[in-house]
Amino acid sequence: METVKENLKGQLTEVEMLQSMFPLEHEFLFDDSSCLEEVQHFISGKRKAPPRQISFTIQIPPNGSQKGPSICCSLPHDYPMGLPSVFVRSPDASREQQKALNNGLQKHMESVCPGDLCLSVVVMWVQEFWIKYFSRTGEQDVLLHTDISSSTKHAKYTALARLWIYSHHIYRKELLKKIPKSAEELDITGFILPGKPGILCVEGFKENCDEYWQRLKYPNWKHISCKH
């Protein structure tokens, strides 16, 4: 029971961060917002019966004249130890395009999610790839991207790299100063979403990204993980 409560605490924190990422009323919609009160009462001990799962929809902004897709999320009580339920839909995309995107999303979730709060990373993946899947040449683009990723996965060196760095929290002032300073020194770019949890994305030459990861990780930053 305590494990479930800890999972739910993490879910509430992640939902709060997603709401800050999508602050407009139409961008983030709960299926039933009253479930949040059930979760809070269960965590505090006021409620004995397990609450309903938190479920919501995130509306991705459009790309020009192309309407963005909707990301439908439902959080089982074992998440983040288990996978969340996430699928993407769009009335402007064909069934085949939606199926291809959701298959790609599922594979991505299986690689980054187990044991970690990962919805922010999942949403960012959809934001990056939905246009490729839903465009006329999207299937070819995605296949090319997959082939390149597969062929270089075990290569000793690659020209460029992108790191997704996930932390239980990013608050400390000295850390918020160190993050951009180290990036500037190593000539890499990216962005940071501070808070609890915190997310950092950096891009640049692989050797520089690896050095950046080592600088951040040591000597005493705990509860941090990195995904390539």
Protein backbone atom coordinates (compact mmCIF):
# COMPACT_ATOMS: atom_id res chain seq x y z
CA MET A 1 0.00 0.00 0.00
CA GLU A 2 2.83 2.40 0.82
CA THR A 3 4.38 1.69 -2.56
CA VAL A 4 1.13 2.69 -4.25
CA LYS A 5 1.05 5.93 -2.23
CA GLU A 6 4.60 6.76 -3.27
CA ASN A 7 3.70 6.07 -6.90
CA LEU A 8 0.68 8.36 -6.63
CA LYS A 9 2.75 11.14 -5.07
CA GLY A 10 5.08 10.98 -8.05
CA GLN A 11 2.14 10.99 -10.44
CA LEU A 12 0.70 14.15 -8.88
CA THR A 13 4.07 15.86 -9.17
CA GLU A 14 4.42 14.89 -12.81
CA VAL A 15 0.88 15.98 -13.63
CA GLU A 16 1.61 19.37 -12.05
CA MET A 17 4.72 19.75 -14.21
CA LEU A 18 2.79 18.79 -17.36
CA GLN A 19 0.16 21.39 -16.53
CA SER A 20 2.92 24.00 -16.33
CA MET A 21 4.15 22.89 -19.75
CA PHE A 22 0.62 23.15 -21.21
CA PRO A 23 -0.98 26.00 -19.23
CA LEU A 24 -3.85 26.89 -21.58
CA GLU A 25 -7.25 25.49 -20.67
CA HIS A 26 -7.68 23.57 -23.93
CA GLU A 27 -4.16 22.12 -23.85
CA PHE A 28 -4.54 19.97 -20.71
CA LEU A 29 -7.89 18.37 -19.87
CA PHE A 30 -8.64 15.81 -17.13
CA ASP A 31 -11.14 13.11 -17.98
CA ASP A 32 -12.53 13.78 -14.48
CA SER A 33 -10.63 16.21 -12.26
CA SER A 34 -12.38 14.91 -9.12
CA CYS A 35 -10.05 11.89 -9.21
CA LEU A 36 -7.25 14.19 -7.98
CA GLU A 37 -9.09 14.69 -4.71
CA GLU A 38 -9.51 10.92 -4.38
CA VAL A 39 -5.77 10.46 -4.88
CA GLN A 40 -4.89 13.15 -2.35
CA HIS A 41 -7.26 11.69 0.25
CA PHE A 42 -5.86 8.22 -0.31
CA ILE A 43 -2.28 9.47 0.18
CA SER A 44 -3.24 11.33 3.38
CA GLY A 45 -5.15 8.34 4.76
CA LYS A 46 -8.58 9.97 4.62
CA ARG A 47 -9.63 7.44 1.98
CA LYS A 48 -9.16 3.68 2.38
CA ALA A 49 -10.30 2.44 -1.02
CA PRO A 50 -7.82 2.87 -3.91
CA PRO A 51 -8.65 5.94 -6.01
CA ARG A 52 -9.47 5.96 -9.68
CA GLN A 53 -6.60 6.25 -12.10
CA ILE A 54 -5.55 9.73 -13.13
CA SER A 55 -6.37 10.20 -16.81
CA PHE A 56 -6.11 13.25 -19.04
CA THR A 57 -5.57 14.47 -22.58
CA ILE A 58 -2.84 16.82 -23.80
CA GLN A 59 -3.47 18.78 -26.98
CA ILE A 60 -0.28 19.39 -28.96
CA PRO A 61 -0.19 22.85 -30.62
CA PRO A 62 -0.62 22.96 -34.42
CA ASN A 63 2.21 23.13 -36.90
CA GLY A 64 1.19 25.86 -39.31
CA SER A 65 -2.11 24.78 -40.86
CA GLN A 66 -1.70 21.21 -39.61
CA LYS A 67 -3.66 20.54 -36.43
CA GLY A 68 -1.66 18.94 -33.64
CA PRO A 69 -2.56 15.49 -32.25
CA SER A 70 -4.02 14.64 -28.86
CA ILE A 71 -2.07 12.55 -26.34
CA CYS A 72 -4.38 10.47 -24.15
CA CYS A 73 -2.81 9.34 -20.86
CA SER A 74 -3.96 7.07 -18.05
CA LEU A 75 -1.75 6.32 -15.04
CA PRO A 76 -2.06 2.86 -13.44
CA HIS A 77 -1.35 2.70 -9.73
CA ASP A 78 1.91 0.83 -10.39
CA TYR A 79 3.31 3.64 -12.56
CA PRO A 80 6.22 4.53 -12.67
CA MET A 81 7.32 0.97 -11.88
CA GLY A 82 5.04 -0.12 -14.72
CA LEU A 83 4.28 1.64 -17.98
CA PRO A 84 1.64 4.36 -18.28
CA SER A 85 -1.14 3.94 -20.80
CA VAL A 86 -0.54 6.46 -23.58
CA PHE A 87 -1.85 6.69 -27.13
CA VAL A 88 -1.99 9.44 -29.73
CA ARG A 89 -4.93 10.25 -31.98
CA SER A 90 -5.69 12.80 -34.66
CA PRO A 91 -8.75 13.24 -36.88
CA ASP A 92 -6.46 14.60 -39.61
CA ALA A 93 -4.26 11.49 -39.78
CA SER A 94 -5.07 8.16 -41.40
CA ARG A 95 -5.52 5.02 -39.35
CA GLU A 96 -2.23 3.69 -40.70
CA GLN A 97 -0.37 6.86 -39.73
CA GLN A 98 -1.80 6.81 -36.21
CA LYS A 99 -0.97 3.12 -35.84
CA ALA A 100 2.62 3.71 -36.97
CA LEU A 101 3.08 6.60 -34.56
CA ASN A 102 1.60 4.69 -31.60
CA ASN A 103 3.78 1.67 -32.38
CA GLY A 104 6.85 3.92 -32.39
CA LEU A 105 5.69 5.58 -29.19
CA GLN A 106 5.23 2.22 -27.45
CA LYS A 107 8.78 1.16 -28.35
CA HIS A 108 10.13 4.47 -27.08
CA MET A 109 8.23 4.11 -23.81
CA GLU A 110 9.55 0.59 -23.28
CA SER A 111 13.10 1.93 -23.60
CA VAL A 112 12.83 5.00 -21.35
CA CYS A 113 9.97 4.49 -18.90
CA PRO A 114 10.37 1.46 -16.61
CA GLY A 115 11.11 2.67 -13.10
CA ASP A 116 11.09 6.38 -13.98
CA LEU A 117 8.50 9.12 -14.27
CA CYS A 118 8.68 9.58 -18.02
CA LEU A 119 5.57 11.33 -19.33
CA SER A 120 7.43 14.57 -20.00
CA VAL A 121 9.94 12.69 -22.13
CA VAL A 122 7.11 10.83 -23.88
CA VAL A 123 5.31 14.09 -24.67
CA MET A 124 8.51 15.60 -26.04
CA TRP A 125 8.99 12.55 -28.27
CA VAL A 126 5.50 13.04 -29.72
CA GLN A 127 6.16 16.75 -30.24
CA GLU A 128 9.33 15.91 -32.16
CA PHE A 129 8.06 13.08 -34.36
CA TRP A 130 4.31 13.48 -34.98
CA ILE A 131 4.79 15.64 -38.06
CA LYS A 132 7.07 13.04 -39.63
CA TYR A 133 4.55 10.28 -39.04
CA PHE A 134 1.57 12.31 -40.24
CA SER A 135 3.16 13.93 -43.29
CA ARG A 136 2.99 12.38 -46.74
CA THR A 137 6.62 11.33 -46.62
CA GLY A 138 6.54 10.76 -42.89
CA GLU A 139 6.72 6.98 -43.11
CA GLN A 140 9.90 7.16 -45.18
CA ASP A 141 11.40 9.76 -42.82
CA VAL A 142 10.68 7.64 -39.76
CA LEU A 143 12.04 4.49 -41.37
CA LEU A 144 15.20 6.38 -42.30
CA HIS A 145 15.52 7.70 -38.75
CA THR A 146 15.04 4.17 -37.38
CA ASP A 147 17.61 2.70 -39.76
CA ILE A 148 20.17 5.34 -38.85
CA SER A 149 19.54 4.86 -35.12
CA SER A 150 19.86 1.08 -35.42
CA SER A 151 23.02 1.17 -37.53
CA THR A 152 24.81 3.56 -35.17
CA LYS A 153 23.53 2.17 -31.88
CA HIS A 154 26.64 0.11 -31.26
CA ALA A 155 29.11 2.37 -33.05
CA LYS A 156 32.07 3.45 -30.96
CA TYR A 157 31.75 7.06 -32.03
CA THR A 158 28.94 9.13 -33.53
CA ALA A 159 29.09 12.69 -34.82
CA LEU A 160 26.14 14.09 -32.86
CA ALA A 161 24.17 13.10 -29.78
CA ARG A 162 21.12 14.11 -27.80
CA LEU A 163 20.81 13.39 -24.09
CA TRP A 164 17.62 13.38 -22.03
CA ILE A 165 18.66 13.88 -18.41
CA TYR A 166 15.98 13.19 -15.82
CA SER A 167 16.25 14.09 -12.14
CA HIS A 168 13.97 13.63 -9.16
CA HIS A 169 14.19 17.39 -8.79
CA ILE A 170 16.17 20.38 -10.11
CA TYR A 171 15.95 23.28 -7.68
CA ARG A 172 19.33 24.28 -6.28
CA LYS A 173 20.59 27.69 -7.41
CA GLU A 174 24.17 26.52 -7.81
CA LEU A 175 22.98 23.68 -10.04
CA LEU A 176 20.85 26.01 -12.15
CA LYS A 177 23.98 28.10 -12.70
CA LYS A 178 26.21 25.10 -13.43
CA ILE A 179 23.90 23.60 -16.05
CA PRO A 180 24.07 26.44 -18.64
CA LYS A 181 27.67 27.33 -17.79
CA SER A 182 28.95 23.82 -18.50
CA ALA A 183 26.87 23.67 -21.68
CA GLU A 184 28.41 26.91 -22.93
CA GLU A 185 31.92 25.69 -22.16
CA LEU A 186 31.34 22.48 -24.14
CA ASP A 187 29.51 24.20 -27.02
CA ILE A 188 26.29 22.24 -26.64
CA THR A 189 22.69 23.46 -26.73
CA GLY A 190 19.39 22.40 -25.19
CA PHE A 191 16.82 23.35 -22.62
CA ILE A 192 15.90 22.74 -18.98
CA LEU A 193 12.60 22.23 -17.19
CA PRO A 194 13.40 22.84 -13.50
CA GLY A 195 11.20 21.61 -10.69
CA LYS A 196 10.21 18.25 -9.28
CA PRO A 197 10.80 16.22 -11.36
CA GLY A 198 13.32 18.09 -13.51
CA ILE A 199 14.24 17.43 -17.12
CA LEU A 200 17.25 18.54 -19.12
CA CYS A 201 17.82 18.00 -22.86
CA VAL A 202 21.19 18.71 -24.51
CA GLU A 203 22.50 18.29 -28.05
CA GLY A 204 25.96 18.50 -29.54
CA PHE A 205 28.99 16.40 -30.44
CA LYS A 206 28.84 13.05 -28.69
CA GLU A 207 32.16 13.48 -26.90
CA ASN A 208 31.05 16.87 -25.54
CA CYS A 209 27.68 15.50 -24.44
CA ASP A 210 29.39 12.62 -22.64
CA GLU A 211 31.71 15.04 -20.86
CA TYR A 212 28.73 17.22 -19.93
CA TRP A 213 26.94 14.21 -18.40
CA GLN A 214 30.02 13.34 -16.33
CA ARG A 215 30.32 16.92 -15.07
CA LEU A 216 26.70 17.02 -13.93
CA LYS A 217 26.63 13.56 -12.44
CA TYR A 218 29.63 13.96 -10.18
CA PRO A 219 30.41 14.44 -7.40
CA ASN A 220 27.09 14.42 -5.56
CA TRP A 221 24.01 14.75 -7.81
CA LYS A 222 21.84 11.83 -6.76
CA HIS A 223 18.59 10.51 -8.25
CA ILE A 224 19.61 11.35 -11.80
CA SER A 225 19.39 9.27 -14.97
CA CYS A 226 20.31 9.78 -18.60
CA LYS A 227 18.72 8.52 -21.82
CA HIS A 228 20.34 8.76 -25.28
